[in-house]
Amino acid sequence: MSALAALDMHVSYGNIRALRGVSLAVAEGTICAVVGANGAGKTTALNAICGLRTLSAGRVVLAGQDVTSVPPHDLVPLGLVQVPEGRRVFARLTVRENLSMGAFRRRSPRAELAAELDRVLELFPRLRERMAQLAGTLSGGEQQMLAMGRALMSRPRTLLMDEPSMGLAPQVVDQVFETILAINKLGVTVLLVEQNALMALEIAQMAYVLQSGEVVLSGPGPELLHSDAVREAYLG
């Protein structure tokens, strides 16, 4: 069963056709990667799925429900949450306040939210040491952990991640990908947009290659990893 399906998505910016008939299917409980060069339409596809970009044609189906016209903030209670490119933490709020913001749309007992916070801090023990620290003073890697933790506080069933490794040191990138695998093992479906095609394809059960707003290749991540066309175009 598909946790998420994007069907024949078209998005235009004026005369520029940013997406041209992009279709993606993300099976429940899996990691699905979208890779491609800068300007290929990866972030646009993610934002279109989240309702942050208006589709000129196409549909988005979440767990069998057509959510094409659902506002972005109403997708969160339905289980669809995005970790945005550039992290976008609330710089003037503390780590604790940022994590609390992730649970803003939840109507859960305080004890349940406290238990959820504990689960998130088990994944990100460094955040536990910095709960009273302003988010804007964290390192880039710590901010990425916070952005991921904040998203998990909303109890997503499907998590969209936009360039989580961008601008991070290699050892931190390794840690981020290990955490993505750990999140997936908790039962969360992951749709990952990544410029680091090598690492994304290594962990993805399914992957799509975007070029100029179109899907040009798709298949199991490890299979695409060994595709001559993909290696030549994206892996060098």
Protein backbone atom coordinates (compact mmCIF):
# COMPACT_ATOMS: atom_id res chain seq x y z
CA MET A 1 0.00 0.00 0.00
CA SER A 2 1.19 3.52 -0.80
CA ALA A 3 1.58 5.80 2.19
CA LEU A 4 1.86 8.66 -0.27
CA ALA A 5 1.31 9.06 -4.00
CA ALA A 6 1.89 12.10 -6.20
CA LEU A 7 0.12 11.69 -9.52
CA ASP A 8 1.07 13.61 -12.67
CA MET A 9 2.10 16.79 -10.82
CA HIS A 10 2.56 19.96 -12.86
CA VAL A 11 3.86 23.22 -11.35
CA SER A 12 4.71 26.43 -13.19
CA TYR A 13 6.41 29.66 -12.15
CA GLY A 14 5.07 32.08 -14.75
CA ASN A 15 6.26 30.71 -18.09
CA ILE A 16 8.69 28.29 -16.46
CA ARG A 17 7.40 24.73 -16.11
CA ALA A 18 9.10 23.54 -12.92
CA LEU A 19 7.37 20.14 -12.78
CA ARG A 20 6.10 18.31 -15.84
CA GLY A 21 4.00 15.30 -15.01
CA VAL A 22 5.95 14.07 -11.99
CA SER A 23 4.52 10.94 -10.36
CA LEU A 24 5.94 9.36 -7.20
CA ALA A 25 4.74 6.45 -5.08
CA VAL A 26 6.04 5.93 -1.55
CA ALA A 27 5.26 2.53 -0.04
CA GLU A 28 4.28 2.45 3.61
CA GLY A 29 7.18 1.89 6.00
CA THR A 30 9.90 2.53 3.41
CA ILE A 31 12.49 5.16 2.59
CA CYS A 32 12.01 6.70 -0.86
CA ALA A 33 14.63 9.07 -2.30
CA VAL A 34 14.36 11.78 -4.93
CA VAL A 35 17.71 12.75 -6.40
CA GLY A 36 18.88 15.01 -9.18
CA ALA A 37 21.01 18.03 -9.98
CA ASN A 38 20.36 21.57 -8.75
CA GLY A 39 17.26 22.98 -10.42
CA ALA A 40 15.86 19.54 -11.28
CA GLY A 41 12.63 20.24 -9.37
CA LYS A 42 13.25 18.18 -6.23
CA THR A 43 12.27 20.81 -3.67
CA THR A 44 9.37 21.98 -5.84
CA ALA A 45 8.03 18.41 -5.87
CA LEU A 46 8.24 18.19 -2.10
CA ASN A 47 6.58 21.57 -1.62
CA ALA A 48 3.83 20.66 -4.08
CA ILE A 49 3.09 17.49 -2.10
CA CYS A 50 2.88 19.61 1.09
CA GLY A 51 0.61 22.20 -0.51
CA LEU A 52 3.28 24.91 -0.35
CA ARG A 53 3.23 25.10 -4.15
CA THR A 54 -0.03 25.09 -6.09
CA LEU A 55 -0.45 22.35 -8.64
CA SER A 56 -1.63 23.43 -12.08
CA ALA A 57 -2.50 19.76 -12.66
CA GLY A 58 -2.18 16.50 -10.80
CA ARG A 59 -3.18 15.01 -7.44
CA VAL A 60 -1.65 14.09 -4.09
CA VAL A 61 -3.04 11.07 -2.23
CA LEU A 62 -2.11 10.41 1.41
CA ALA A 63 -2.98 6.95 2.79
CA GLY A 64 -5.77 6.64 0.22
CA GLN A 65 -7.19 10.14 0.84
CA ASP A 66 -7.01 12.85 -1.81
CA VAL A 67 -5.31 15.79 -0.07
CA THR A 68 -4.54 17.91 -3.14
CA SER A 69 -6.53 20.88 -1.83
CA VAL A 70 -5.80 20.45 1.88
CA PRO A 71 -3.90 23.46 3.35
CA PRO A 72 -0.35 22.67 4.53
CA HIS A 73 -1.13 23.16 8.23
CA ASP A 74 -4.06 20.73 8.02
CA LEU A 75 -1.82 18.01 6.55
CA VAL A 76 0.12 17.80 9.83
CA PRO A 77 -2.73 16.23 11.86
CA LEU A 78 -3.22 13.82 8.93
CA GLY A 79 0.34 12.58 9.48
CA LEU A 80 2.27 14.38 6.72
CA VAL A 81 5.13 16.54 8.04
CA GLN A 82 8.11 18.18 6.35
CA VAL A 83 11.62 18.89 7.65
CA PRO A 84 12.39 21.90 5.43
CA GLU A 85 15.55 22.71 3.55
CA GLY A 86 17.83 24.93 5.63
CA ARG A 87 16.35 23.55 8.89
CA ARG A 88 14.38 26.75 9.69
CA VAL A 89 14.44 26.38 13.44
CA PHE A 90 13.01 29.20 15.56
CA ALA A 91 16.34 30.87 16.33
CA ARG A 92 15.11 32.99 19.26
CA LEU A 93 13.32 30.13 20.99
CA THR A 94 15.04 27.51 23.14
CA VAL A 95 15.51 23.92 22.06
CA ARG A 96 12.67 22.90 24.39
CA GLU A 97 10.36 25.56 22.93
CA ASN A 98 11.19 24.47 19.37
CA LEU A 99 10.35 20.87 20.21
CA SER A 100 7.11 21.96 21.86
CA MET A 101 6.15 23.83 18.68
CA GLY A 102 6.30 20.51 16.86
CA ALA A 103 3.41 19.26 18.97
CA PHE A 104 1.33 22.45 18.51
CA ARG A 105 -1.45 20.76 16.51
CA ARG A 106 -1.69 17.75 18.82
CA ARG A 107 -4.45 17.50 21.38
CA SER A 108 -2.77 14.97 23.62
CA PRO A 109 -2.53 14.63 27.41
CA ARG A 110 0.55 16.22 28.94
CA ALA A 111 1.93 12.84 30.01
CA GLU A 112 1.71 11.56 26.42
CA LEU A 113 3.59 14.60 25.11
CA ALA A 114 6.25 14.17 27.80
CA ALA A 115 6.70 10.54 26.75
CA GLU A 116 6.99 11.63 23.12
CA LEU A 117 9.64 14.19 24.08
CA ASP A 118 11.61 11.46 25.85
CA ARG A 119 11.50 9.29 22.72
CA VAL A 120 12.78 12.17 20.60
CA LEU A 121 15.58 12.92 23.05
CA GLU A 122 16.62 9.26 22.99
CA LEU A 123 17.17 9.70 19.25
CA PHE A 124 18.96 13.02 19.76
CA PRO A 125 20.76 12.86 23.13
CA ARG A 126 22.75 16.00 22.34
CA LEU A 127 19.53 18.02 22.39
CA ARG A 128 18.82 16.85 25.93
CA GLU A 129 21.99 18.66 27.05
CA ARG A 130 20.87 21.87 25.32
CA MET A 131 17.19 22.16 26.20
CA ALA A 132 17.55 25.69 27.61
CA GLN A 133 19.86 26.92 24.83
CA LEU A 134 18.61 29.26 22.09
CA ALA A 135 18.24 27.34 18.83
CA GLY A 136 20.08 30.02 16.88
CA THR A 137 23.27 29.33 18.85
CA LEU A 138 23.40 25.63 17.93
CA SER A 139 25.79 24.23 15.33
CA GLY A 140 24.43 23.35 11.90
CA GLY A 141 24.32 19.67 12.77
CA GLU A 142 22.53 20.33 16.04
CA GLN A 143 19.99 22.53 14.25
CA GLN A 144 19.32 19.70 11.79
CA MET A 145 18.75 17.33 14.72
CA LEU A 146 16.39 19.88 16.25
CA ALA A 147 14.45 20.29 12.99
CA MET A 148 14.06 16.52 12.76
CA GLY A 149 13.11 16.24 16.42
CA ARG A 150 10.56 19.04 16.10
CA ALA A 151 8.93 17.23 13.17
CA LEU A 152 8.80 13.96 15.10
CA MET A 153 6.96 15.68 17.97
CA SER A 154 3.94 15.91 15.67
CA ARG A 155 3.85 12.08 15.36
CA PRO A 156 4.13 11.91 11.54
CA ARG A 157 3.24 8.76 9.66
CA THR A 158 5.05 10.11 6.58
CA LEU A 159 8.05 12.42 6.97
CA LEU A 160 9.31 14.55 4.09
CA MET A 161 12.96 15.61 4.36
CA ASP A 162 14.44 18.29 2.12
CA GLU A 163 18.26 18.22 1.78
CA PRO A 164 18.99 17.19 5.39
CA SER A 165 22.74 16.89 4.70
CA MET A 166 23.15 20.33 3.13
CA GLY A 167 26.06 22.35 4.52
CA LEU A 168 27.06 19.77 7.13
CA ALA A 169 30.49 18.27 7.83
CA PRO A 170 30.98 14.69 6.52
CA GLN A 171 30.91 13.07 9.97
CA VAL A 172 27.67 14.92 10.78
CA VAL A 173 26.17 13.81 7.46
CA ASP A 174 26.85 10.19 8.44
CA GLN A 175 25.05 10.79 11.73
CA VAL A 176 22.06 12.37 9.96
CA PHE A 177 21.67 9.37 7.64
CA GLU A 178 21.97 6.96 10.57
CA THR A 179 19.16 8.91 12.26
CA ILE A 180 16.99 8.73 9.13
CA LEU A 181 17.36 4.94 9.23
CA ALA A 182 16.50 4.93 12.95
CA ILE A 183 13.38 7.05 12.32
CA ASN A 184 12.29 4.68 9.57
CA LYS A 185 12.77 1.70 11.91
CA LEU A 186 10.27 3.35 14.27
CA GLY A 187 7.66 2.83 11.55
CA VAL A 188 7.79 6.27 9.93
CA THR A 189 7.66 6.37 6.12
CA VAL A 190 10.33 8.74 4.73
CA LEU A 191 10.41 10.68 1.46
CA LEU A 192 13.93 12.06 1.17
CA VAL A 193 15.08 14.76 -1.26
CA GLU A 194 18.87 14.77 -1.37
CA GLN A 195 21.70 16.15 -3.46
CA ASN A 196 24.00 13.55 -1.87
CA ALA A 197 22.78 10.90 -4.30
CA LEU A 198 25.30 8.28 -3.20
CA MET A 199 24.12 8.14 0.42
CA ALA A 200 20.45 8.60 -0.44
CA LEU A 201 20.41 5.71 -2.92
CA GLU A 202 22.25 3.46 -0.46
CA ILE A 203 19.43 3.64 2.08
CA ALA A 204 16.37 3.99 -0.19
CA GLN A 205 14.19 1.02 -1.07
CA MET A 206 12.80 3.09 -3.97
CA ALA A 207 14.23 6.12 -5.73
CA TYR A 208 13.41 8.59 -8.49
CA VAL A 209 15.81 10.64 -10.56
CA LEU A 210 14.51 14.08 -11.55
CA GLN A 211 15.86 16.08 -14.46
CA SER A 212 14.39 19.37 -15.69
CA GLY A 213 11.14 18.77 -13.83
CA GLU A 214 10.58 15.22 -15.07
CA VAL A 215 11.20 11.74 -13.69
CA VAL A 216 13.82 10.22 -16.01
CA LEU A 217 14.64 7.08 -14.00
CA SER A 218 13.11 5.15 -11.13
CA GLY A 219 13.77 1.90 -9.34
CA PRO A 220 15.21 0.42 -6.13
CA GLY A 221 17.87 2.71 -4.67
CA PRO A 222 20.77 0.19 -4.75
CA GLU A 223 19.87 -0.66 -8.37
CA LEU A 224 20.05 2.99 -9.43
CA LEU A 225 23.26 3.35 -7.44
CA HIS A 226 24.88 0.89 -9.84
CA SER A 227 23.26 2.33 -12.96
CA ASP A 228 25.88 3.66 -15.39
CA ALA A 229 23.62 6.58 -16.36
CA VAL A 230 23.09 7.64 -12.74
CA ARG A 231 26.74 7.23 -11.82
CA GLU A 232 27.86 9.29 -14.79
CA ALA A 233 25.32 12.06 -14.23
CA TYR A 234 25.31 12.35 -10.43
CA LEU A 235 28.09 10.34 -8.82
CA GLY A 236 31.07 11.15 -11.05
